[in-house]
N, C-alpha and C. Protein backbone atom coordinates (compact mmCIF):
# COMPACT_ATOMS: atom_id res chain seq x y z
N LEU A 1 12.18 -7.53 -10.98
CA LEU A 1 10.88 -7.19 -11.55
C LEU A 1 10.82 -5.70 -11.94
N VAL A 2 11.49 -4.84 -11.17
CA VAL A 2 11.55 -3.43 -11.52
C VAL A 2 12.44 -3.23 -12.75
N ASP A 3 13.59 -3.87 -12.75
CA ASP A 3 14.51 -3.72 -13.89
C ASP A 3 13.90 -4.26 -15.19
N SER A 4 13.04 -5.28 -15.07
CA SER A 4 12.42 -5.86 -16.26
C SER A 4 11.25 -5.02 -16.76
N GLY A 5 10.80 -4.04 -15.97
CA GLY A 5 9.68 -3.21 -16.37
C GLY A 5 8.33 -3.70 -15.90
N THR A 6 8.32 -4.86 -15.20
CA THR A 6 7.05 -5.36 -14.67
C THR A 6 6.47 -4.35 -13.68
N TYR A 7 7.33 -3.83 -12.81
CA TYR A 7 6.97 -2.73 -11.91
C TYR A 7 7.78 -1.50 -12.31
N ALA A 8 7.21 -0.31 -12.10
CA ALA A 8 7.97 0.91 -12.31
C ALA A 8 8.81 1.25 -11.09
N GLN A 9 8.30 0.89 -9.91
CA GLN A 9 8.97 1.17 -8.64
C GLN A 9 8.23 0.41 -7.55
N THR A 10 8.91 0.14 -6.44
CA THR A 10 8.23 -0.44 -5.28
C THR A 10 8.65 0.30 -4.02
N LEU A 11 7.75 0.33 -3.03
CA LEU A 11 8.02 0.89 -1.72
C LEU A 11 7.62 -0.13 -0.66
N VAL A 12 8.34 -0.13 0.45
CA VAL A 12 7.92 -0.87 1.64
C VAL A 12 7.76 0.15 2.76
N LEU A 13 6.58 0.18 3.36
CA LEU A 13 6.25 1.14 4.41
C LEU A 13 5.99 0.41 5.71
N GLN A 14 6.53 0.92 6.79
CA GLN A 14 6.30 0.37 8.13
C GLN A 14 5.43 1.34 8.91
N THR A 15 4.33 0.84 9.47
CA THR A 15 3.41 1.69 10.20
C THR A 15 4.06 2.25 11.47
N GLN A 16 3.91 3.57 11.66
CA GLN A 16 4.41 4.25 12.85
C GLN A 16 3.28 4.66 13.77
N LEU A 17 2.23 5.29 13.21
CA LEU A 17 1.07 5.75 13.96
C LEU A 17 -0.18 5.58 13.11
N PRO A 18 -1.28 5.07 13.65
CA PRO A 18 -1.43 4.52 15.00
C PRO A 18 -0.69 3.20 15.13
N ALA A 19 -0.17 2.94 16.32
CA ALA A 19 0.57 1.72 16.59
C ALA A 19 -0.24 0.83 17.52
N GLY A 20 0.23 -0.40 17.72
CA GLY A 20 -0.45 -1.30 18.64
C GLY A 20 -1.31 -2.33 17.93
N THR A 21 -2.04 -3.10 18.69
CA THR A 21 -2.81 -4.20 18.13
C THR A 21 -3.99 -3.74 17.28
N ASN A 22 -4.40 -2.48 17.41
CA ASN A 22 -5.51 -1.98 16.62
C ASN A 22 -5.06 -1.40 15.27
N ALA A 23 -3.78 -1.32 15.05
CA ALA A 23 -3.29 -0.85 13.75
C ALA A 23 -3.69 -1.87 12.68
N GLN A 24 -4.16 -1.37 11.53
CA GLN A 24 -4.64 -2.28 10.50
C GLN A 24 -3.53 -3.17 9.94
N CYS A 25 -2.36 -2.57 9.73
CA CYS A 25 -1.25 -3.31 9.14
C CYS A 25 0.06 -2.92 9.81
N ASP A 26 1.01 -3.84 9.85
CA ASP A 26 2.36 -3.52 10.30
C ASP A 26 3.20 -2.98 9.14
N TYR A 27 2.98 -3.54 7.94
CA TYR A 27 3.72 -3.13 6.76
C TYR A 27 2.77 -2.98 5.58
N VAL A 28 3.12 -2.07 4.68
CA VAL A 28 2.39 -1.90 3.43
C VAL A 28 3.39 -2.02 2.29
N PHE A 29 3.05 -2.81 1.31
CA PHE A 29 3.90 -3.00 0.13
C PHE A 29 3.21 -2.33 -1.06
N VAL A 30 3.91 -1.40 -1.70
CA VAL A 30 3.34 -0.61 -2.79
C VAL A 30 4.10 -0.91 -4.07
N ALA A 31 3.37 -1.27 -5.12
CA ALA A 31 3.97 -1.49 -6.44
C ALA A 31 3.40 -0.46 -7.40
N PHE A 32 4.27 0.28 -8.09
CA PHE A 32 3.85 1.25 -9.08
C PHE A 32 3.98 0.63 -10.47
N TYR A 33 3.04 0.98 -11.34
CA TYR A 33 3.03 0.48 -12.71
C TYR A 33 3.03 1.65 -13.69
N ASN A 34 3.60 1.41 -14.86
CA ASN A 34 3.45 2.35 -15.97
C ASN A 34 2.18 1.97 -16.71
N GLY A 35 1.08 2.64 -16.39
CA GLY A 35 -0.20 2.26 -16.96
C GLY A 35 -0.95 1.33 -16.02
N LEU A 36 -1.83 0.52 -16.58
CA LEU A 36 -2.64 -0.38 -15.77
C LEU A 36 -1.80 -1.53 -15.24
N PRO A 37 -2.16 -2.07 -14.07
CA PRO A 37 -1.41 -3.22 -13.53
C PRO A 37 -1.47 -4.41 -14.47
N SER A 38 -0.41 -5.17 -14.47
CA SER A 38 -0.39 -6.39 -15.27
C SER A 38 -1.19 -7.47 -14.56
N ALA A 39 -1.42 -8.56 -15.25
CA ALA A 39 -2.09 -9.71 -14.63
C ALA A 39 -1.21 -10.25 -13.50
N PRO A 40 -1.80 -10.98 -12.53
CA PRO A 40 -0.99 -11.57 -11.46
C PRO A 40 0.19 -12.34 -12.04
N LEU A 41 1.35 -12.20 -11.41
CA LEU A 41 2.57 -12.78 -11.95
C LEU A 41 2.49 -14.30 -11.97
N SER A 42 2.90 -14.88 -13.07
CA SER A 42 2.89 -16.34 -13.20
C SER A 42 4.08 -16.93 -12.44
N THR A 43 4.01 -18.23 -12.17
CA THR A 43 5.11 -18.94 -11.52
C THR A 43 6.39 -18.81 -12.34
N GLU A 44 6.25 -18.86 -13.66
CA GLU A 44 7.42 -18.78 -14.54
C GLU A 44 8.11 -17.41 -14.41
N VAL A 45 7.31 -16.33 -14.39
CA VAL A 45 7.87 -14.98 -14.27
C VAL A 45 8.59 -14.83 -12.94
N ILE A 46 7.97 -15.32 -11.86
CA ILE A 46 8.59 -15.19 -10.53
C ILE A 46 9.86 -16.04 -10.46
N ASN A 47 9.82 -17.25 -11.01
CA ASN A 47 11.02 -18.10 -11.01
C ASN A 47 12.17 -17.43 -11.76
N ASN A 48 11.87 -16.82 -12.90
CA ASN A 48 12.91 -16.14 -13.68
C ASN A 48 13.49 -14.96 -12.90
N ALA A 49 12.61 -14.20 -12.22
CA ALA A 49 13.07 -13.06 -11.45
C ALA A 49 13.94 -13.50 -10.27
N LEU A 50 13.54 -14.55 -9.60
CA LEU A 50 14.33 -15.08 -8.48
C LEU A 50 15.70 -15.55 -8.95
N ARG A 51 15.72 -16.21 -10.10
CA ARG A 51 16.99 -16.71 -10.63
C ARG A 51 17.92 -15.55 -11.01
N LYS A 52 17.38 -14.52 -11.67
CA LYS A 52 18.19 -13.37 -12.07
C LYS A 52 18.68 -12.58 -10.86
N ALA A 53 17.91 -12.63 -9.76
CA ALA A 53 18.31 -11.93 -8.54
C ALA A 53 19.21 -12.78 -7.66
N ASP A 54 19.56 -13.96 -8.13
CA ASP A 54 20.44 -14.88 -7.39
C ASP A 54 19.85 -15.25 -6.02
N ILE A 55 18.52 -15.43 -6.01
CA ILE A 55 17.84 -15.89 -4.79
C ILE A 55 17.56 -17.38 -4.94
N PRO A 56 18.18 -18.22 -4.11
CA PRO A 56 18.06 -19.68 -4.27
C PRO A 56 16.72 -20.20 -3.74
N MET A 57 15.65 -19.86 -4.43
CA MET A 57 14.31 -20.23 -3.98
C MET A 57 13.39 -20.29 -5.19
N THR A 58 12.46 -21.23 -5.18
CA THR A 58 11.46 -21.29 -6.25
C THR A 58 10.27 -20.41 -5.89
N ALA A 59 9.43 -20.17 -6.88
CA ALA A 59 8.23 -19.36 -6.64
C ALA A 59 7.33 -20.02 -5.59
N ASP A 60 7.20 -21.33 -5.66
CA ASP A 60 6.36 -22.05 -4.69
C ASP A 60 6.94 -21.96 -3.29
N ALA A 61 8.25 -22.10 -3.17
CA ALA A 61 8.89 -22.01 -1.85
C ALA A 61 8.77 -20.59 -1.30
N ARG A 62 8.89 -19.61 -2.18
CA ARG A 62 8.74 -18.22 -1.76
C ARG A 62 7.33 -17.97 -1.23
N GLN A 63 6.33 -18.47 -1.95
CA GLN A 63 4.95 -18.26 -1.53
C GLN A 63 4.68 -18.93 -0.19
N ALA A 64 5.23 -20.13 0.01
CA ALA A 64 5.05 -20.84 1.29
C ALA A 64 5.70 -20.06 2.43
N LYS A 65 6.88 -19.48 2.17
CA LYS A 65 7.56 -18.70 3.19
C LYS A 65 6.77 -17.44 3.53
N LEU A 66 6.20 -16.80 2.51
CA LEU A 66 5.41 -15.60 2.75
C LEU A 66 4.18 -15.90 3.61
N ARG A 67 3.56 -17.05 3.37
CA ARG A 67 2.39 -17.42 4.17
C ARG A 67 2.75 -17.62 5.63
N GLU A 68 3.99 -18.06 5.88
CA GLU A 68 4.44 -18.22 7.27
C GLU A 68 4.66 -16.87 7.94
N MET A 69 5.05 -15.87 7.17
CA MET A 69 5.54 -14.62 7.73
C MET A 69 4.48 -13.54 7.87
N PHE A 70 3.43 -13.56 7.03
CA PHE A 70 2.45 -12.48 7.13
C PHE A 70 1.08 -12.92 6.61
N THR A 71 0.09 -12.11 6.93
CA THR A 71 -1.27 -12.29 6.44
C THR A 71 -1.66 -11.05 5.65
N LEU A 72 -2.12 -11.24 4.43
CA LEU A 72 -2.56 -10.12 3.61
C LEU A 72 -3.89 -9.60 4.16
N VAL A 73 -3.92 -8.31 4.50
CA VAL A 73 -5.12 -7.70 5.08
C VAL A 73 -6.00 -7.08 4.01
N TYR A 74 -5.39 -6.43 3.03
CA TYR A 74 -6.19 -5.67 2.06
C TYR A 74 -5.34 -5.40 0.83
N ASP A 75 -6.00 -5.34 -0.32
CA ASP A 75 -5.31 -5.02 -1.56
C ASP A 75 -6.24 -4.15 -2.40
N ASN A 76 -5.68 -3.17 -3.09
CA ASN A 76 -6.50 -2.33 -3.96
C ASN A 76 -5.66 -1.76 -5.08
N ILE A 77 -6.33 -1.08 -6.00
CA ILE A 77 -5.66 -0.39 -7.11
C ILE A 77 -6.03 1.09 -7.00
N THR A 78 -5.01 1.93 -6.94
CA THR A 78 -5.19 3.37 -6.81
C THR A 78 -4.35 4.07 -7.87
N GLN A 79 -4.91 5.12 -8.45
CA GLN A 79 -4.18 5.90 -9.46
C GLN A 79 -3.95 7.31 -8.94
N TYR A 80 -2.69 7.76 -9.00
CA TYR A 80 -2.48 9.14 -8.56
C TYR A 80 -2.88 10.09 -9.68
N ARG A 81 -3.57 11.17 -9.29
CA ARG A 81 -4.05 12.18 -10.24
C ARG A 81 -3.10 13.36 -10.33
N ALA A 82 -2.28 13.54 -9.32
CA ALA A 82 -1.24 14.56 -9.35
C ALA A 82 -0.13 14.09 -8.44
N LEU A 83 1.11 14.36 -8.84
CA LEU A 83 2.27 13.90 -8.07
C LEU A 83 3.33 14.98 -8.06
N VAL A 84 3.84 15.23 -6.87
CA VAL A 84 4.94 16.20 -6.69
C VAL A 84 6.05 15.49 -5.93
N GLY A 85 7.27 15.54 -6.44
CA GLY A 85 8.41 14.94 -5.74
C GLY A 85 8.33 13.42 -5.69
N SER A 86 9.04 12.83 -4.73
CA SER A 86 9.09 11.36 -4.60
C SER A 86 9.58 11.00 -3.21
N ALA A 87 9.38 9.73 -2.87
CA ALA A 87 9.80 9.23 -1.56
C ALA A 87 11.18 8.58 -1.65
N LYS A 88 11.95 8.72 -0.58
CA LYS A 88 13.24 8.04 -0.48
C LYS A 88 13.27 7.24 0.82
N LYS A 89 14.18 6.32 0.90
CA LYS A 89 14.32 5.51 2.11
C LYS A 89 14.59 6.41 3.32
N GLY A 90 13.86 6.17 4.41
CA GLY A 90 14.00 6.97 5.61
C GLY A 90 12.98 8.07 5.75
N ASP A 91 12.24 8.37 4.68
CA ASP A 91 11.19 9.38 4.75
C ASP A 91 10.03 8.90 5.62
N TYR A 92 9.21 9.85 6.04
CA TYR A 92 7.94 9.56 6.71
C TYR A 92 6.81 9.92 5.76
N LEU A 93 5.85 9.03 5.63
CA LEU A 93 4.77 9.19 4.66
C LEU A 93 3.44 9.20 5.38
N GLU A 94 2.73 10.31 5.27
CA GLU A 94 1.41 10.46 5.89
C GLU A 94 0.35 10.19 4.83
N PHE A 95 -0.49 9.19 5.10
CA PHE A 95 -1.53 8.78 4.15
C PHE A 95 -2.89 9.16 4.71
N ASN A 96 -3.62 10.02 3.98
CA ASN A 96 -4.91 10.52 4.41
C ASN A 96 -6.02 9.89 3.57
N SER A 97 -6.87 9.09 4.19
CA SER A 97 -8.00 8.47 3.50
C SER A 97 -9.19 9.41 3.59
N MET A 98 -9.85 9.67 2.44
CA MET A 98 -10.93 10.65 2.40
C MET A 98 -12.21 10.06 1.82
N SER A 99 -13.33 10.57 2.31
CA SER A 99 -14.60 10.32 1.68
C SER A 99 -15.01 11.60 0.96
N SER A 100 -15.84 11.48 -0.07
CA SER A 100 -16.25 12.65 -0.82
C SER A 100 -17.57 12.39 -1.53
N PRO A 101 -18.48 13.38 -1.53
CA PRO A 101 -19.71 13.22 -2.31
C PRO A 101 -19.46 13.30 -3.80
N ASP A 102 -18.31 13.86 -4.19
CA ASP A 102 -17.96 14.01 -5.59
C ASP A 102 -16.44 13.86 -5.72
N PRO A 103 -15.95 12.63 -5.90
CA PRO A 103 -14.49 12.41 -5.96
C PRO A 103 -13.78 13.26 -7.00
N GLY A 104 -14.41 13.45 -8.16
CA GLY A 104 -13.78 14.26 -9.20
C GLY A 104 -13.58 15.70 -8.76
N ALA A 105 -14.58 16.26 -8.08
CA ALA A 105 -14.46 17.62 -7.59
C ALA A 105 -13.44 17.71 -6.46
N CYS A 106 -13.37 16.67 -5.64
CA CYS A 106 -12.38 16.62 -4.56
C CYS A 106 -10.97 16.64 -5.13
N VAL A 107 -10.73 15.82 -6.14
CA VAL A 107 -9.41 15.78 -6.78
C VAL A 107 -9.09 17.14 -7.40
N ALA A 108 -10.08 17.75 -8.03
CA ALA A 108 -9.86 19.04 -8.68
C ALA A 108 -9.46 20.12 -7.68
N VAL A 109 -10.12 20.16 -6.53
CA VAL A 109 -9.79 21.19 -5.54
C VAL A 109 -8.45 20.89 -4.88
N GLU A 110 -8.12 19.61 -4.72
CA GLU A 110 -6.80 19.25 -4.20
C GLU A 110 -5.71 19.75 -5.14
N LYS A 111 -5.91 19.57 -6.44
CA LYS A 111 -4.92 20.01 -7.42
C LYS A 111 -4.82 21.53 -7.47
N LYS A 112 -5.96 22.22 -7.31
CA LYS A 112 -5.96 23.67 -7.37
C LYS A 112 -5.30 24.30 -6.14
N ASP A 113 -5.68 23.80 -4.94
CA ASP A 113 -5.20 24.43 -3.70
C ASP A 113 -3.91 23.82 -3.17
N TRP A 114 -3.82 22.47 -3.21
CA TRP A 114 -2.72 21.80 -2.52
C TRP A 114 -1.51 21.50 -3.39
N GLN A 115 -1.72 21.31 -4.70
CA GLN A 115 -0.56 21.01 -5.54
C GLN A 115 0.46 22.15 -5.56
N PRO A 116 0.04 23.41 -5.79
CA PRO A 116 1.03 24.49 -5.74
C PRO A 116 1.63 24.66 -4.35
N LEU A 117 0.83 24.37 -3.32
CA LEU A 117 1.34 24.43 -1.95
C LEU A 117 2.42 23.37 -1.76
N ALA A 118 2.15 22.16 -2.24
CA ALA A 118 3.13 21.07 -2.12
C ALA A 118 4.40 21.38 -2.88
N GLU A 119 4.27 21.97 -4.07
CA GLU A 119 5.46 22.33 -4.85
C GLU A 119 6.31 23.35 -4.11
N GLN A 120 5.67 24.29 -3.44
CA GLN A 120 6.40 25.29 -2.66
C GLN A 120 7.08 24.65 -1.46
N MET A 121 6.39 23.72 -0.79
CA MET A 121 6.96 23.08 0.39
C MET A 121 8.15 22.21 0.04
N VAL A 122 8.11 21.57 -1.14
CA VAL A 122 9.28 20.81 -1.60
C VAL A 122 10.43 21.77 -1.89
N LYS A 123 10.10 22.89 -2.53
CA LYS A 123 11.12 23.90 -2.84
C LYS A 123 11.76 24.44 -1.56
N ASP A 124 10.94 24.60 -0.50
CA ASP A 124 11.44 25.11 0.78
C ASP A 124 12.20 24.05 1.58
N GLY A 125 12.14 22.79 1.15
CA GLY A 125 12.82 21.72 1.86
C GLY A 125 12.05 21.16 3.03
N ASN A 126 10.76 21.50 3.13
CA ASN A 126 9.96 21.03 4.26
C ASN A 126 9.31 19.67 4.01
N THR A 127 9.12 19.32 2.75
CA THR A 127 8.60 18.01 2.39
C THR A 127 9.38 17.46 1.20
N ASP A 128 9.26 16.15 0.98
CA ASP A 128 9.89 15.52 -0.18
C ASP A 128 8.88 15.28 -1.30
N GLY A 129 7.58 15.38 -0.98
CA GLY A 129 6.61 15.15 -2.03
C GLY A 129 5.19 15.13 -1.53
N TRP A 130 4.27 14.99 -2.49
CA TRP A 130 2.83 14.99 -2.22
C TRP A 130 2.14 14.32 -3.40
N ALA A 131 0.99 13.73 -3.14
CA ALA A 131 0.19 13.16 -4.22
C ALA A 131 -1.27 13.18 -3.82
N VAL A 132 -2.14 13.25 -4.82
CA VAL A 132 -3.57 13.01 -4.62
C VAL A 132 -3.95 11.82 -5.50
N ASN A 133 -4.68 10.88 -4.91
CA ASN A 133 -4.99 9.62 -5.58
C ASN A 133 -6.49 9.37 -5.61
N GLU A 134 -6.92 8.63 -6.60
CA GLU A 134 -8.32 8.20 -6.66
C GLU A 134 -8.36 6.68 -6.75
N GLN A 135 -9.17 6.06 -5.91
CA GLN A 135 -9.24 4.60 -5.90
C GLN A 135 -9.94 4.11 -7.16
N VAL A 136 -9.32 3.14 -7.83
CA VAL A 136 -9.86 2.57 -9.06
C VAL A 136 -10.64 1.30 -8.77
N PHE A 137 -10.10 0.45 -7.89
CA PHE A 137 -10.76 -0.81 -7.55
C PHE A 137 -10.34 -1.24 -6.16
N PRO A 138 -11.27 -1.67 -5.30
CA PRO A 138 -12.72 -1.71 -5.53
C PRO A 138 -13.31 -0.32 -5.56
N ARG A 139 -14.46 -0.19 -6.20
CA ARG A 139 -15.08 1.12 -6.35
C ARG A 139 -16.59 0.97 -6.19
N GLY A 140 -17.13 1.58 -5.17
CA GLY A 140 -18.56 1.53 -4.92
C GLY A 140 -18.90 2.41 -3.75
N ALA A 141 -20.18 2.50 -3.45
CA ALA A 141 -20.64 3.38 -2.38
C ALA A 141 -20.02 3.02 -1.03
N LYS A 142 -19.73 1.73 -0.83
CA LYS A 142 -19.19 1.28 0.45
C LYS A 142 -17.66 1.13 0.42
N ASP A 143 -17.08 1.38 -0.74
CA ASP A 143 -15.64 1.17 -0.90
C ASP A 143 -14.89 2.49 -0.74
N GLU A 144 -14.46 2.77 0.48
CA GLU A 144 -13.67 3.97 0.74
C GLU A 144 -12.24 3.55 1.05
N PRO A 145 -11.24 4.41 0.82
CA PRO A 145 -11.40 5.82 0.47
C PRO A 145 -11.60 6.05 -1.02
N ALA A 146 -12.49 6.96 -1.37
CA ALA A 146 -12.66 7.33 -2.76
C ALA A 146 -11.45 8.11 -3.24
N VAL A 147 -10.92 8.94 -2.34
CA VAL A 147 -9.76 9.79 -2.64
C VAL A 147 -8.79 9.70 -1.47
N SER A 148 -7.50 9.81 -1.76
CA SER A 148 -6.50 9.83 -0.69
C SER A 148 -5.41 10.82 -1.08
N THR A 149 -4.75 11.35 -0.07
CA THR A 149 -3.59 12.19 -0.32
C THR A 149 -2.40 11.64 0.46
N VAL A 150 -1.22 11.97 -0.01
CA VAL A 150 0.02 11.53 0.61
C VAL A 150 0.92 12.73 0.80
N ASP A 151 1.43 12.90 2.01
CA ASP A 151 2.45 13.91 2.30
C ASP A 151 3.73 13.18 2.71
N ILE A 152 4.85 13.54 2.10
CA ILE A 152 6.11 12.84 2.34
C ILE A 152 7.09 13.79 3.02
N PHE A 153 7.58 13.38 4.18
CA PHE A 153 8.45 14.24 4.98
C PHE A 153 9.86 13.66 5.06
N PRO A 154 10.89 14.51 4.99
CA PRO A 154 12.26 14.02 5.03
C PRO A 154 12.73 13.60 6.42
N SER A 155 11.97 13.94 7.47
CA SER A 155 12.38 13.62 8.83
C SER A 155 11.18 13.66 9.76
N TRP A 156 11.36 13.12 10.97
CA TRP A 156 10.31 13.19 11.98
C TRP A 156 10.04 14.65 12.36
N ASP A 157 11.10 15.46 12.44
CA ASP A 157 10.94 16.86 12.79
C ASP A 157 10.11 17.59 11.75
N ALA A 158 10.32 17.29 10.47
CA ALA A 158 9.53 17.91 9.42
C ALA A 158 8.06 17.53 9.54
N PHE A 159 7.80 16.28 9.93
CA PHE A 159 6.42 15.83 10.14
C PHE A 159 5.76 16.58 11.29
N THR A 160 6.46 16.71 12.40
CA THR A 160 5.85 17.33 13.57
C THR A 160 5.66 18.84 13.40
N HIS A 161 6.41 19.46 12.49
CA HIS A 161 6.26 20.89 12.23
C HIS A 161 5.50 21.16 10.92
N HIS A 162 4.74 20.15 10.50
CA HIS A 162 4.05 20.21 9.22
C HIS A 162 3.13 21.42 9.11
N TYR A 163 2.31 21.66 10.13
CA TYR A 163 1.31 22.71 10.03
C TYR A 163 1.94 24.10 10.02
N ASP A 164 3.06 24.26 10.70
CA ASP A 164 3.77 25.53 10.63
C ASP A 164 4.28 25.80 9.22
N SER A 165 4.83 24.77 8.58
CA SER A 165 5.37 24.95 7.23
C SER A 165 4.26 25.13 6.21
N ILE A 166 3.08 24.51 6.45
CA ILE A 166 1.94 24.70 5.56
C ILE A 166 1.53 26.18 5.53
N ARG A 167 1.38 26.76 6.70
CA ARG A 167 0.92 28.14 6.76
C ARG A 167 1.94 29.10 6.14
N SER A 168 3.21 28.81 6.31
CA SER A 168 4.25 29.64 5.71
C SER A 168 4.19 29.56 4.18
N ALA A 169 4.07 28.34 3.65
CA ALA A 169 4.02 28.16 2.20
C ALA A 169 2.71 28.71 1.62
N TRP A 170 1.62 28.58 2.37
CA TRP A 170 0.32 29.06 1.91
C TRP A 170 0.39 30.56 1.59
N LYS A 171 1.03 31.32 2.43
CA LYS A 171 1.12 32.78 2.22
C LYS A 171 1.88 33.11 0.93
N LYS A 172 2.78 32.21 0.53
CA LYS A 172 3.56 32.46 -0.68
C LYS A 172 2.77 32.15 -1.95
N VAL A 173 1.97 31.06 -1.92
CA VAL A 173 1.30 30.62 -3.15
C VAL A 173 -0.15 31.08 -3.25
N HIS A 174 -0.77 31.36 -2.10
CA HIS A 174 -2.17 31.84 -2.09
C HIS A 174 -2.28 33.08 -1.21
N PRO A 175 -1.58 34.17 -1.57
CA PRO A 175 -1.53 35.34 -0.69
C PRO A 175 -2.89 36.02 -0.47
N ASP A 176 -3.83 35.82 -1.41
CA ASP A 176 -5.12 36.49 -1.30
C ASP A 176 -6.23 35.58 -0.78
N ALA A 177 -5.88 34.35 -0.37
CA ALA A 177 -6.88 33.40 0.11
C ALA A 177 -6.68 33.14 1.60
N ASP A 178 -7.74 33.28 2.37
CA ASP A 178 -7.67 33.00 3.80
C ASP A 178 -7.58 31.49 4.02
N PHE A 179 -6.58 31.06 4.76
CA PHE A 179 -6.33 29.64 4.95
C PHE A 179 -7.51 28.94 5.63
N SER A 180 -8.00 29.49 6.73
CA SER A 180 -9.05 28.82 7.52
C SER A 180 -10.35 28.69 6.75
N SER A 181 -10.77 29.74 6.06
CA SER A 181 -12.03 29.66 5.32
C SER A 181 -11.90 28.74 4.11
N THR A 182 -10.73 28.74 3.48
CA THR A 182 -10.51 27.84 2.34
C THR A 182 -10.58 26.39 2.80
N MET A 183 -9.99 26.09 3.96
CA MET A 183 -10.02 24.73 4.48
C MET A 183 -11.43 24.31 4.88
N ALA A 184 -12.23 25.26 5.36
CA ALA A 184 -13.62 24.95 5.72
C ALA A 184 -14.41 24.54 4.48
N GLN A 185 -14.21 25.26 3.37
CA GLN A 185 -14.87 24.90 2.12
C GLN A 185 -14.34 23.58 1.57
N HIS A 186 -13.03 23.42 1.71
CA HIS A 186 -12.38 22.21 1.24
C HIS A 186 -12.95 20.98 1.94
N GLY A 187 -13.21 21.10 3.25
CA GLY A 187 -13.72 19.97 4.02
C GLY A 187 -15.08 19.49 3.59
N LYS A 188 -15.84 20.34 2.89
CA LYS A 188 -17.16 19.93 2.41
C LYS A 188 -17.05 18.96 1.24
N LEU A 189 -15.94 19.04 0.50
CA LEU A 189 -15.72 18.15 -0.64
C LEU A 189 -14.82 16.97 -0.31
N CYS A 190 -13.86 17.18 0.57
CA CYS A 190 -12.86 16.16 0.90
C CYS A 190 -12.79 16.02 2.42
N THR A 191 -13.38 14.97 2.95
CA THR A 191 -13.40 14.77 4.40
C THR A 191 -12.41 13.68 4.78
N ILE A 192 -11.40 14.02 5.56
CA ILE A 192 -10.42 13.02 6.00
C ILE A 192 -11.08 12.10 7.02
N GLN A 193 -11.11 10.81 6.70
CA GLN A 193 -11.70 9.81 7.59
C GLN A 193 -10.66 9.12 8.47
N HIS A 194 -9.44 9.02 7.95
CA HIS A 194 -8.41 8.30 8.71
C HIS A 194 -7.04 8.68 8.18
N THR A 195 -6.08 8.80 9.08
CA THR A 195 -4.71 9.14 8.70
C THR A 195 -3.75 8.15 9.34
N VAL A 196 -2.80 7.68 8.56
CA VAL A 196 -1.77 6.76 9.04
C VAL A 196 -0.41 7.33 8.69
N LEU A 197 0.53 7.22 9.61
CA LEU A 197 1.91 7.63 9.35
C LEU A 197 2.78 6.40 9.19
N TYR A 198 3.51 6.37 8.09
CA TYR A 198 4.42 5.26 7.79
C TYR A 198 5.86 5.77 7.71
N LYS A 199 6.81 4.87 7.88
CA LYS A 199 8.19 5.16 7.56
C LYS A 199 8.58 4.36 6.33
N VAL A 200 9.25 4.99 5.39
CA VAL A 200 9.69 4.32 4.16
C VAL A 200 10.96 3.53 4.49
N VAL A 201 10.83 2.20 4.51
CA VAL A 201 11.97 1.37 4.90
C VAL A 201 12.69 0.77 3.70
N ASP A 202 12.07 0.85 2.53
CA ASP A 202 12.77 0.36 1.34
C ASP A 202 12.16 0.99 0.10
N VAL A 203 13.00 1.31 -0.87
CA VAL A 203 12.59 1.84 -2.17
C VAL A 203 13.38 1.10 -3.24
N VAL A 204 12.69 0.59 -4.24
CA VAL A 204 13.38 -0.08 -5.37
C VAL A 204 13.02 0.67 -6.64
N THR A 205 14.03 1.18 -7.32
CA THR A 205 13.85 1.87 -8.60
C THR A 205 14.71 1.16 -9.64
N PRO A 206 14.45 1.38 -10.93
CA PRO A 206 15.24 0.72 -11.97
C PRO A 206 16.73 1.03 -11.86
N ALA A 207 17.54 0.04 -12.15
CA ALA A 207 18.99 0.25 -12.16
C ALA A 207 19.36 1.24 -13.26
N LYS A 208 20.32 2.11 -12.96
CA LYS A 208 20.74 3.10 -13.96
C LYS A 208 21.69 2.49 -14.95
């Protein structure tokens, strides 16, 4: 499906923290599209993809097997508004769900303050990437997160030393801005409601 252009890329994420029976999901499956998502895949498209992948299974048999193995908890459409770097297998991905009185202003301040910071952190080797996203659907007063950010770390050690590396990079890209006061103002527009840490267990990109 990636090689055919149906998807631009896919990720499989395994939840690390919070863990236990209260964790919302054990795994998250992410499909990236070039543009808007296509209509739900037809049986014919899935059968063709399975055949080309040499998987001896029909679309109906695949769907029955999936129902045995997992329960879909939630699905949504999110568009990233800024992207730095990318995720690779073995990375740790921190997903921050945010509420905001003005999602557009939240995205704008994320791009102004955090995008250059993220670019510096990737350059320093402390992270593999960053993104700020805005939820497209569902979208309403009760449908959160309105905005989310993603921090991608190359190792567990990079994740645990995240705040040290943030402060170091901040001094390089925002030498005249006080970190604590900027974050206090930032929190008025972008309030983190929940954070989940995942491990990237699979990445599928187009064949070269």
